[in-house]
N, C-alpha and C. Protein backbone atom coordinates (compact mmCIF):
# COMPACT_ATOMS: atom_id res chain seq x y z
N UNK A 1 33.58 22.31 -21.26
CA UNK A 1 32.33 21.77 -21.75
C UNK A 1 32.51 20.31 -22.10
N UNK A 2 31.46 19.54 -21.85
CA UNK A 2 31.49 18.12 -22.17
C UNK A 2 31.33 17.89 -23.65
N UNK A 3 31.74 16.73 -24.08
CA UNK A 3 31.63 16.34 -25.47
C UNK A 3 30.17 16.11 -25.83
N UNK A 4 29.73 16.66 -26.94
CA UNK A 4 28.34 16.52 -27.39
C UNK A 4 28.19 15.23 -28.19
N UNK A 5 27.04 14.59 -27.99
CA UNK A 5 26.71 13.39 -28.75
C UNK A 5 25.78 13.76 -29.89
N UNK A 6 25.49 12.77 -30.74
CA UNK A 6 24.59 12.98 -31.88
C UNK A 6 23.26 13.60 -31.46
N UNK A 7 22.74 13.17 -30.31
CA UNK A 7 21.43 13.65 -29.88
C UNK A 7 21.50 15.04 -29.23
N UNK A 8 22.69 15.65 -29.18
CA UNK A 8 22.84 16.99 -28.64
C UNK A 8 23.04 17.01 -27.13
N UNK A 9 23.06 15.86 -26.47
CA UNK A 9 23.25 15.82 -25.03
C UNK A 9 24.72 15.61 -24.73
N UNK A 10 25.16 16.15 -23.58
CA UNK A 10 26.56 15.95 -23.25
C UNK A 10 26.79 14.53 -22.75
N UNK A 11 28.03 14.15 -22.62
CA UNK A 11 28.40 12.78 -22.28
C UNK A 11 27.89 12.32 -20.94
N UNK A 12 27.81 13.22 -19.96
CA UNK A 12 27.35 12.84 -18.63
C UNK A 12 25.92 12.33 -18.68
N UNK A 13 25.05 13.04 -19.37
CA UNK A 13 23.65 12.61 -19.43
C UNK A 13 23.52 11.29 -20.17
N UNK A 14 24.29 11.11 -21.22
CA UNK A 14 24.22 9.86 -21.98
C UNK A 14 24.66 8.70 -21.10
N UNK A 15 25.74 8.90 -20.32
CA UNK A 15 26.22 7.85 -19.43
C UNK A 15 25.18 7.57 -18.35
N UNK A 16 24.59 8.62 -17.80
CA UNK A 16 23.60 8.45 -16.76
C UNK A 16 22.43 7.62 -17.26
N UNK A 17 21.94 7.91 -18.46
CA UNK A 17 20.83 7.16 -19.02
C UNK A 17 21.24 5.71 -19.25
N UNK A 18 22.43 5.49 -19.75
CA UNK A 18 22.89 4.14 -20.01
C UNK A 18 22.97 3.34 -18.70
N UNK A 19 23.52 3.96 -17.64
CA UNK A 19 23.61 3.24 -16.38
C UNK A 19 22.21 3.04 -15.78
N UNK A 20 21.30 3.98 -16.00
CA UNK A 20 19.92 3.85 -15.52
C UNK A 20 19.27 2.62 -16.15
N UNK A 21 19.50 2.43 -17.45
CA UNK A 21 18.95 1.26 -18.12
C UNK A 21 19.55 -0.02 -17.56
N UNK A 22 20.84 0.01 -17.24
CA UNK A 22 21.49 -1.17 -16.68
C UNK A 22 20.93 -1.48 -15.30
N UNK A 23 20.69 -0.45 -14.50
CA UNK A 23 20.14 -0.65 -13.16
C UNK A 23 18.70 -1.15 -13.24
N UNK A 24 17.93 -0.61 -14.18
CA UNK A 24 16.53 -1.01 -14.30
C UNK A 24 16.41 -2.50 -14.59
N UNK A 25 17.34 -3.04 -15.33
CA UNK A 25 17.29 -4.46 -15.66
C UNK A 25 17.94 -5.34 -14.63
N UNK A 26 18.42 -4.73 -13.53
CA UNK A 26 19.18 -5.49 -12.55
C UNK A 26 18.36 -5.88 -11.32
N UNK A 27 17.06 -6.08 -11.50
CA UNK A 27 16.26 -6.58 -10.39
C UNK A 27 15.55 -5.53 -9.57
N UNK A 28 15.26 -4.38 -10.15
CA UNK A 28 14.56 -3.33 -9.42
C UNK A 28 13.21 -3.84 -8.90
N UNK A 29 12.45 -4.47 -9.78
CA UNK A 29 11.14 -4.99 -9.38
C UNK A 29 11.27 -6.01 -8.25
N UNK A 30 12.22 -6.92 -8.38
CA UNK A 30 12.42 -7.94 -7.35
C UNK A 30 12.81 -7.31 -6.02
N UNK A 31 13.67 -6.31 -6.05
CA UNK A 31 14.10 -5.64 -4.81
C UNK A 31 12.92 -4.95 -4.13
N UNK A 32 12.10 -4.27 -4.90
CA UNK A 32 10.94 -3.57 -4.33
C UNK A 32 9.93 -4.58 -3.78
N UNK A 33 9.65 -5.63 -4.53
CA UNK A 33 8.70 -6.65 -4.08
C UNK A 33 9.22 -7.34 -2.82
N UNK A 34 10.49 -7.69 -2.79
CA UNK A 34 11.06 -8.36 -1.62
C UNK A 34 11.03 -7.46 -0.39
N UNK A 35 11.36 -6.19 -0.56
CA UNK A 35 11.32 -5.25 0.57
C UNK A 35 9.89 -5.09 1.07
N UNK A 36 8.93 -4.98 0.15
CA UNK A 36 7.52 -4.84 0.55
C UNK A 36 7.04 -6.09 1.28
N UNK A 37 7.43 -7.25 0.79
CA UNK A 37 7.03 -8.51 1.42
C UNK A 37 7.63 -8.61 2.82
N UNK A 38 8.91 -8.25 2.97
CA UNK A 38 9.56 -8.29 4.27
C UNK A 38 8.91 -7.30 5.24
N UNK A 39 8.57 -6.11 4.72
CA UNK A 39 7.91 -5.11 5.55
C UNK A 39 6.56 -5.63 6.03
N UNK A 40 5.82 -6.25 5.14
CA UNK A 40 4.50 -6.78 5.50
C UNK A 40 4.62 -7.92 6.52
N UNK A 41 5.66 -8.76 6.38
CA UNK A 41 5.88 -9.85 7.32
C UNK A 41 6.18 -9.30 8.72
N UNK A 42 7.04 -8.30 8.79
CA UNK A 42 7.39 -7.69 10.08
C UNK A 42 6.15 -7.02 10.68
N UNK A 43 5.38 -6.32 9.87
CA UNK A 43 4.16 -5.68 10.38
C UNK A 43 3.18 -6.75 10.89
N UNK A 44 3.04 -7.84 10.16
CA UNK A 44 2.15 -8.92 10.60
C UNK A 44 2.60 -9.46 11.95
N UNK A 45 3.88 -9.65 12.11
CA UNK A 45 4.43 -10.15 13.38
C UNK A 45 4.13 -9.15 14.50
N UNK A 46 4.29 -7.85 14.20
CA UNK A 46 4.05 -6.82 15.20
C UNK A 46 2.56 -6.67 15.52
N UNK A 47 1.70 -7.09 14.61
CA UNK A 47 0.25 -7.02 14.83
C UNK A 47 -0.30 -8.20 15.61
N UNK A 48 0.46 -9.27 15.74
CA UNK A 48 -0.04 -10.50 16.38
C UNK A 48 -0.65 -10.24 17.75
N UNK A 49 -0.04 -9.35 18.52
CA UNK A 49 -0.54 -9.07 19.88
C UNK A 49 -1.94 -8.48 19.85
N UNK A 50 -2.33 -7.85 18.74
CA UNK A 50 -3.65 -7.25 18.64
C UNK A 50 -4.71 -8.26 18.21
N UNK A 51 -4.26 -9.43 17.73
CA UNK A 51 -5.19 -10.43 17.22
C UNK A 51 -5.55 -10.20 15.76
N UNK A 52 -4.85 -9.30 15.11
CA UNK A 52 -5.13 -8.97 13.71
C UNK A 52 -4.13 -9.64 12.79
N UNK A 53 -4.54 -9.78 11.54
CA UNK A 53 -3.68 -10.36 10.51
C UNK A 53 -3.42 -9.31 9.44
N UNK A 54 -2.46 -9.59 8.58
CA UNK A 54 -2.11 -8.68 7.49
C UNK A 54 -3.34 -8.35 6.67
N UNK A 55 -3.53 -7.08 6.38
CA UNK A 55 -4.66 -6.62 5.59
C UNK A 55 -5.81 -6.11 6.45
N UNK A 56 -5.96 -6.70 7.63
CA UNK A 56 -7.04 -6.27 8.50
C UNK A 56 -6.76 -4.89 9.10
N UNK A 57 -5.49 -4.60 9.31
CA UNK A 57 -5.12 -3.31 9.88
C UNK A 57 -5.57 -2.15 8.99
N UNK A 58 -5.43 -2.31 7.69
CA UNK A 58 -5.84 -1.26 6.76
C UNK A 58 -7.33 -0.98 6.83
N UNK A 59 -8.13 -2.04 6.99
CA UNK A 59 -9.58 -1.88 7.10
C UNK A 59 -9.91 -1.09 8.36
N UNK A 60 -9.31 -1.46 9.46
CA UNK A 60 -9.60 -0.77 10.72
C UNK A 60 -9.16 0.69 10.65
N UNK A 61 -7.98 0.96 10.09
CA UNK A 61 -7.51 2.34 10.00
C UNK A 61 -8.40 3.17 9.07
N UNK A 62 -8.86 2.57 7.97
CA UNK A 62 -9.76 3.29 7.06
C UNK A 62 -11.07 3.62 7.75
N UNK A 63 -11.61 2.68 8.51
CA UNK A 63 -12.86 2.92 9.22
C UNK A 63 -12.67 3.95 10.34
N UNK A 64 -11.52 3.92 10.97
CA UNK A 64 -11.25 4.90 12.03
C UNK A 64 -11.18 6.31 11.44
N UNK A 65 -10.65 6.41 10.24
CA UNK A 65 -10.51 7.71 9.58
C UNK A 65 -11.83 8.20 8.99
N UNK A 66 -12.59 7.31 8.39
CA UNK A 66 -13.79 7.70 7.64
C UNK A 66 -15.11 7.46 8.37
N UNK A 67 -15.10 6.65 9.41
CA UNK A 67 -16.37 6.23 10.01
C UNK A 67 -16.86 5.03 9.25
N UNK A 68 -18.16 4.87 9.11
CA UNK A 68 -18.71 3.73 8.41
C UNK A 68 -18.51 3.80 6.91
N UNK A 69 -18.19 2.66 6.31
CA UNK A 69 -18.01 2.54 4.86
C UNK A 69 -18.63 1.23 4.39
N UNK A 70 -19.08 1.22 3.15
CA UNK A 70 -19.56 -0.03 2.55
C UNK A 70 -18.36 -0.91 2.22
N UNK A 71 -18.62 -2.18 2.03
CA UNK A 71 -17.55 -3.11 1.64
C UNK A 71 -16.93 -2.68 0.32
N UNK A 72 -17.76 -2.22 -0.62
CA UNK A 72 -17.25 -1.76 -1.92
C UNK A 72 -16.34 -0.55 -1.78
N UNK A 73 -16.73 0.40 -0.93
CA UNK A 73 -15.90 1.59 -0.70
C UNK A 73 -14.58 1.21 -0.05
N UNK A 74 -14.63 0.28 0.90
CA UNK A 74 -13.39 -0.19 1.54
C UNK A 74 -12.48 -0.88 0.53
N UNK A 75 -13.06 -1.74 -0.31
CA UNK A 75 -12.27 -2.45 -1.32
C UNK A 75 -11.60 -1.47 -2.26
N UNK A 76 -12.34 -0.47 -2.72
CA UNK A 76 -11.77 0.53 -3.64
C UNK A 76 -10.68 1.32 -2.95
N UNK A 77 -10.91 1.72 -1.73
CA UNK A 77 -9.94 2.52 -0.99
C UNK A 77 -8.64 1.76 -0.75
N UNK A 78 -8.75 0.47 -0.48
CA UNK A 78 -7.57 -0.33 -0.15
C UNK A 78 -7.00 -1.09 -1.35
N UNK A 79 -7.64 -0.94 -2.51
CA UNK A 79 -7.10 -1.54 -3.72
C UNK A 79 -7.20 -3.05 -3.78
N UNK A 80 -8.29 -3.60 -3.23
CA UNK A 80 -8.50 -5.04 -3.30
C UNK A 80 -9.84 -5.30 -3.97
N UNK A 81 -10.07 -6.53 -4.35
CA UNK A 81 -11.34 -6.90 -4.98
C UNK A 81 -12.41 -7.09 -3.92
N UNK A 82 -13.66 -6.91 -4.33
CA UNK A 82 -14.80 -6.98 -3.41
C UNK A 82 -14.87 -8.31 -2.65
N UNK A 83 -14.68 -9.48 -3.31
CA UNK A 83 -14.77 -10.74 -2.54
C UNK A 83 -13.71 -10.84 -1.43
N UNK A 84 -12.52 -10.31 -1.71
CA UNK A 84 -11.46 -10.30 -0.69
C UNK A 84 -11.90 -9.45 0.49
N UNK A 85 -12.46 -8.29 0.20
CA UNK A 85 -12.91 -7.40 1.28
C UNK A 85 -14.04 -8.04 2.07
N UNK A 86 -14.95 -8.70 1.39
CA UNK A 86 -16.08 -9.34 2.07
C UNK A 86 -15.57 -10.39 3.06
N UNK A 87 -14.59 -11.20 2.65
CA UNK A 87 -14.00 -12.21 3.55
C UNK A 87 -13.30 -11.54 4.73
N UNK A 88 -12.56 -10.47 4.46
CA UNK A 88 -11.84 -9.76 5.52
C UNK A 88 -12.83 -9.17 6.53
N UNK A 89 -13.89 -8.57 6.05
CA UNK A 89 -14.91 -8.01 6.94
C UNK A 89 -15.55 -9.11 7.77
N UNK A 90 -15.83 -10.24 7.15
CA UNK A 90 -16.41 -11.37 7.88
C UNK A 90 -15.51 -11.83 9.02
N UNK A 91 -14.21 -11.92 8.75
CA UNK A 91 -13.26 -12.32 9.79
C UNK A 91 -13.20 -11.29 10.91
N UNK A 92 -13.13 -10.00 10.51
CA UNK A 92 -13.08 -8.92 11.51
C UNK A 92 -14.35 -8.89 12.35
N UNK A 93 -15.49 -9.19 11.73
CA UNK A 93 -16.75 -9.22 12.46
C UNK A 93 -16.75 -10.39 13.45
N UNK A 94 -16.26 -11.55 13.02
CA UNK A 94 -16.19 -12.72 13.90
C UNK A 94 -15.24 -12.46 15.08
N UNK A 95 -14.21 -11.65 14.85
CA UNK A 95 -13.25 -11.32 15.91
C UNK A 95 -13.76 -10.19 16.81
N UNK A 96 -14.86 -9.56 16.42
CA UNK A 96 -15.43 -8.51 17.24
C UNK A 96 -14.89 -7.11 16.99
N UNK A 97 -14.16 -6.91 15.90
CA UNK A 97 -13.58 -5.60 15.59
C UNK A 97 -14.53 -4.69 14.81
N UNK A 98 -15.43 -5.28 14.02
CA UNK A 98 -16.37 -4.49 13.21
C UNK A 98 -17.77 -5.06 13.32
N UNK A 99 -18.73 -4.23 12.95
CA UNK A 99 -20.13 -4.67 12.87
C UNK A 99 -20.72 -4.10 11.60
N UNK A 100 -21.61 -4.88 10.98
CA UNK A 100 -22.30 -4.41 9.77
C UNK A 100 -23.69 -3.92 10.18
N UNK A 101 -24.06 -2.76 9.62
CA UNK A 101 -25.37 -2.17 9.92
C UNK A 101 -25.98 -1.66 8.62
N UNK A 102 -27.30 -1.66 8.54
CA UNK A 102 -27.94 -1.10 7.34
C UNK A 102 -27.63 0.40 7.24
N UNK A 103 -27.46 0.87 6.02
CA UNK A 103 -27.22 2.29 5.79
C UNK A 103 -28.46 3.09 6.20
N UNK A 104 -28.24 4.23 6.84
CA UNK A 104 -29.36 5.04 7.33
C UNK A 104 -30.17 5.67 6.21
N UNK A 105 -29.54 5.95 5.07
CA UNK A 105 -30.24 6.62 3.98
C UNK A 105 -30.67 5.68 2.86
N UNK A 106 -29.98 4.55 2.71
CA UNK A 106 -30.31 3.60 1.65
C UNK A 106 -30.32 2.20 2.24
N UNK A 107 -31.49 1.69 2.51
CA UNK A 107 -31.64 0.39 3.16
C UNK A 107 -31.07 -0.77 2.39
N UNK A 108 -30.77 -0.58 1.10
CA UNK A 108 -30.19 -1.65 0.29
C UNK A 108 -28.71 -1.87 0.62
N UNK A 109 -28.08 -0.85 1.21
CA UNK A 109 -26.65 -0.90 1.49
C UNK A 109 -26.38 -1.32 2.93
N UNK A 110 -25.25 -2.00 3.11
CA UNK A 110 -24.76 -2.34 4.44
C UNK A 110 -23.47 -1.59 4.67
N UNK A 111 -23.37 -0.96 5.83
CA UNK A 111 -22.20 -0.16 6.16
C UNK A 111 -21.43 -0.85 7.29
N UNK A 112 -20.11 -0.85 7.17
CA UNK A 112 -19.25 -1.48 8.17
C UNK A 112 -18.78 -0.38 9.13
N UNK A 113 -18.90 -0.65 10.43
CA UNK A 113 -18.48 0.29 11.47
C UNK A 113 -17.54 -0.42 12.44
N UNK A 114 -16.66 0.35 13.07
CA UNK A 114 -15.82 -0.22 14.12
C UNK A 114 -16.64 -0.43 15.38
N UNK A 115 -16.33 -1.51 16.07
CA UNK A 115 -16.89 -1.74 17.40
C UNK A 115 -15.96 -1.08 18.41
N UNK A 116 -16.30 -1.19 19.66
CA UNK A 116 -15.42 -0.66 20.72
C UNK A 116 -14.04 -1.32 20.63
N UNK A 117 -14.02 -2.65 20.42
CA UNK A 117 -12.75 -3.37 20.29
C UNK A 117 -11.97 -2.88 19.07
N UNK A 118 -12.67 -2.60 17.99
CA UNK A 118 -12.02 -2.08 16.79
C UNK A 118 -11.38 -0.72 17.05
N UNK A 119 -12.13 0.16 17.73
CA UNK A 119 -11.58 1.49 18.05
C UNK A 119 -10.38 1.37 18.99
N UNK A 120 -10.46 0.43 19.94
CA UNK A 120 -9.36 0.23 20.89
C UNK A 120 -8.10 -0.30 20.20
N UNK A 121 -8.26 -0.97 19.06
CA UNK A 121 -7.09 -1.55 18.37
C UNK A 121 -6.32 -0.53 17.54
N UNK A 122 -6.89 0.64 17.29
CA UNK A 122 -6.24 1.63 16.41
C UNK A 122 -4.87 2.04 16.93
N UNK A 123 -4.76 2.33 18.22
CA UNK A 123 -3.47 2.73 18.79
C UNK A 123 -2.44 1.60 18.68
N UNK A 124 -2.88 0.36 18.87
CA UNK A 124 -1.96 -0.78 18.76
C UNK A 124 -1.49 -0.97 17.32
N UNK A 125 -2.40 -0.77 16.37
CA UNK A 125 -2.04 -0.87 14.95
C UNK A 125 -1.03 0.22 14.59
N UNK A 126 -1.30 1.43 15.06
CA UNK A 126 -0.40 2.55 14.77
C UNK A 126 0.98 2.28 15.34
N UNK A 127 1.04 1.76 16.56
CA UNK A 127 2.33 1.46 17.18
C UNK A 127 3.05 0.32 16.44
N UNK A 128 2.31 -0.70 16.01
CA UNK A 128 2.92 -1.80 15.24
C UNK A 128 3.52 -1.26 13.95
N UNK A 129 2.83 -0.32 13.31
CA UNK A 129 3.34 0.31 12.10
C UNK A 129 4.62 1.09 12.36
N UNK A 130 4.62 1.84 13.46
CA UNK A 130 5.82 2.62 13.82
C UNK A 130 7.01 1.71 14.08
N UNK A 131 6.77 0.62 14.82
CA UNK A 131 7.86 -0.34 15.10
C UNK A 131 8.41 -0.93 13.81
N UNK A 132 7.53 -1.28 12.90
CA UNK A 132 7.95 -1.86 11.62
C UNK A 132 8.76 -0.85 10.81
N UNK A 133 8.29 0.39 10.78
CA UNK A 133 9.02 1.42 10.04
C UNK A 133 10.40 1.69 10.66
N UNK A 134 10.46 1.71 12.00
CA UNK A 134 11.76 1.91 12.65
C UNK A 134 12.73 0.79 12.30
N UNK A 135 12.23 -0.44 12.30
CA UNK A 135 13.10 -1.57 11.95
C UNK A 135 13.56 -1.47 10.50
N UNK A 136 12.65 -1.12 9.61
CA UNK A 136 13.00 -1.01 8.18
C UNK A 136 14.02 0.10 7.95
N UNK A 137 13.94 1.17 8.73
CA UNK A 137 14.82 2.32 8.52
C UNK A 137 16.09 2.27 9.36
N UNK A 138 16.28 1.20 10.10
CA UNK A 138 17.47 1.08 10.95
C UNK A 138 18.73 1.24 10.11
N UNK A 139 19.60 2.13 10.53
CA UNK A 139 20.85 2.36 9.82
C UNK A 139 20.75 3.38 8.69
N UNK A 140 19.55 3.86 8.40
CA UNK A 140 19.37 4.88 7.38
C UNK A 140 19.27 6.25 8.04
N UNK A 141 19.84 7.25 7.40
CA UNK A 141 19.72 8.61 7.93
C UNK A 141 18.32 9.14 7.64
N UNK A 142 17.98 10.24 8.29
CA UNK A 142 16.68 10.88 8.03
C UNK A 142 16.59 11.31 6.56
N UNK A 143 17.71 11.78 6.04
CA UNK A 143 17.75 12.19 4.63
C UNK A 143 17.54 10.98 3.72
N UNK A 144 18.16 9.86 4.06
CA UNK A 144 17.98 8.63 3.27
C UNK A 144 16.50 8.22 3.23
N UNK A 145 15.85 8.29 4.38
CA UNK A 145 14.44 7.90 4.46
C UNK A 145 13.58 8.85 3.63
N UNK A 146 13.85 10.16 3.74
CA UNK A 146 13.09 11.12 2.93
C UNK A 146 13.28 10.86 1.44
N UNK A 147 14.54 10.59 1.03
CA UNK A 147 14.82 10.29 -0.38
C UNK A 147 14.15 8.99 -0.82
N UNK A 148 14.18 7.98 0.03
CA UNK A 148 13.54 6.71 -0.29
C UNK A 148 12.04 6.91 -0.49
N UNK A 149 11.40 7.64 0.41
CA UNK A 149 9.97 7.93 0.28
C UNK A 149 9.68 8.67 -1.02
N UNK A 150 10.51 9.65 -1.33
CA UNK A 150 10.33 10.42 -2.57
C UNK A 150 10.45 9.51 -3.78
N UNK A 151 11.45 8.63 -3.78
CA UNK A 151 11.66 7.72 -4.90
C UNK A 151 10.54 6.69 -5.03
N UNK A 152 10.10 6.15 -3.91
CA UNK A 152 9.01 5.17 -3.96
C UNK A 152 7.71 5.80 -4.44
N UNK A 153 7.45 7.03 -4.01
CA UNK A 153 6.25 7.73 -4.49
C UNK A 153 6.34 8.00 -5.99
N UNK A 154 7.53 8.36 -6.45
CA UNK A 154 7.73 8.59 -7.89
C UNK A 154 7.54 7.30 -8.67
N UNK A 155 8.07 6.18 -8.14
CA UNK A 155 7.87 4.89 -8.80
C UNK A 155 6.40 4.54 -8.86
N UNK A 156 5.70 4.74 -7.75
CA UNK A 156 4.27 4.44 -7.70
C UNK A 156 3.52 5.27 -8.74
N UNK A 157 3.85 6.53 -8.81
CA UNK A 157 3.19 7.40 -9.80
C UNK A 157 3.52 6.94 -11.22
N UNK A 158 4.79 6.62 -11.49
CA UNK A 158 5.18 6.13 -12.81
C UNK A 158 4.39 4.88 -13.20
N UNK A 159 4.17 4.01 -12.24
CA UNK A 159 3.49 2.76 -12.52
C UNK A 159 1.98 2.93 -12.66
N UNK A 160 1.43 4.01 -12.13
CA UNK A 160 0.00 4.27 -12.26
C UNK A 160 -0.34 5.08 -13.51
N UNK A 161 0.63 5.76 -14.09
CA UNK A 161 0.37 6.55 -15.28
C UNK A 161 0.00 5.61 -16.42
N UNK A 162 -1.07 5.91 -17.09
CA UNK A 162 -1.48 5.11 -18.24
C UNK A 162 -2.29 3.88 -17.90
N UNK A 163 -2.48 3.61 -16.59
CA UNK A 163 -3.31 2.46 -16.23
C UNK A 163 -4.77 2.82 -16.45
N UNK A 164 -5.55 1.88 -16.93
CA UNK A 164 -6.98 2.15 -17.02
C UNK A 164 -7.55 2.35 -15.63
N UNK A 165 -8.65 3.07 -15.51
CA UNK A 165 -9.25 3.35 -14.20
C UNK A 165 -9.53 2.08 -13.42
N UNK A 166 -9.93 1.01 -14.10
CA UNK A 166 -10.24 -0.25 -13.42
C UNK A 166 -9.00 -0.76 -12.68
N UNK A 167 -7.83 -0.66 -13.31
CA UNK A 167 -6.60 -1.15 -12.68
C UNK A 167 -6.23 -0.28 -11.49
N UNK A 168 -6.55 0.99 -11.53
CA UNK A 168 -6.27 1.87 -10.41
C UNK A 168 -7.17 1.54 -9.23
N UNK A 169 -8.29 0.90 -9.49
CA UNK A 169 -9.24 0.57 -8.43
C UNK A 169 -9.08 -0.85 -7.93
N UNK A 170 -7.89 -1.41 -8.07
CA UNK A 170 -7.62 -2.71 -7.49
C UNK A 170 -7.71 -3.89 -8.43
N UNK A 171 -8.21 -3.68 -9.64
CA UNK A 171 -8.28 -4.79 -10.58
C UNK A 171 -6.91 -4.94 -11.25
N UNK A 172 -6.57 -6.17 -11.58
CA UNK A 172 -5.28 -6.40 -12.23
C UNK A 172 -5.31 -5.95 -13.68
N UNK A 173 -4.31 -5.13 -14.07
CA UNK A 173 -4.22 -4.77 -15.47
C UNK A 173 -3.69 -5.95 -16.28
N UNK A 174 -4.07 -6.03 -17.51
CA UNK A 174 -3.58 -7.09 -18.38
C UNK A 174 -2.55 -6.47 -19.32
N UNK A 175 -1.38 -7.05 -19.37
CA UNK A 175 -0.32 -6.53 -20.23
C UNK A 175 -0.55 -7.02 -21.66
N UNK A 176 -0.65 -6.07 -22.58
CA UNK A 176 -0.87 -6.41 -23.98
C UNK A 176 0.44 -6.67 -24.72
N UNK A 177 1.53 -6.10 -24.21
CA UNK A 177 2.78 -6.10 -24.96
C UNK A 177 3.76 -7.18 -24.52
N UNK A 178 3.37 -8.09 -23.68
CA UNK A 178 4.35 -9.08 -23.19
C UNK A 178 4.48 -10.21 -24.16
């Protein structure tokens, strides 16, 4: 049996927690942000052949999955602010990937739909994503990738717990304790 500490936990758990705290302060946020930025850069490069830019792929994939959506629904789904989504939709419309149409049931609303070019780009976007994921996972085993996904999902969940609903919908939370 391991040696018990004051808190009733054995030495292994106490050491694990201590090393966890040391690792948490050793640039975890920077490592995750840098990896995400590098992934987005590679995806952007892989999307160039489609004529799309970073962020536009998510709009097209959301519309392909859901059909027509309002700008507000797209912004909420993708976790961005409405003005950002409006600019993105404008660019996609100018490029011929989407079209805005009045809502069939509520004339006050405008719904964004994919055009033929937008629908044709879905396979290219999917392939660009696959290429980016393959590059990111190069040298990792299938088990490593599954564990990484599990850990990243857990981190995402940890970071969303306790956030106000507004922050979950793409608005920046304000830290009170900094």
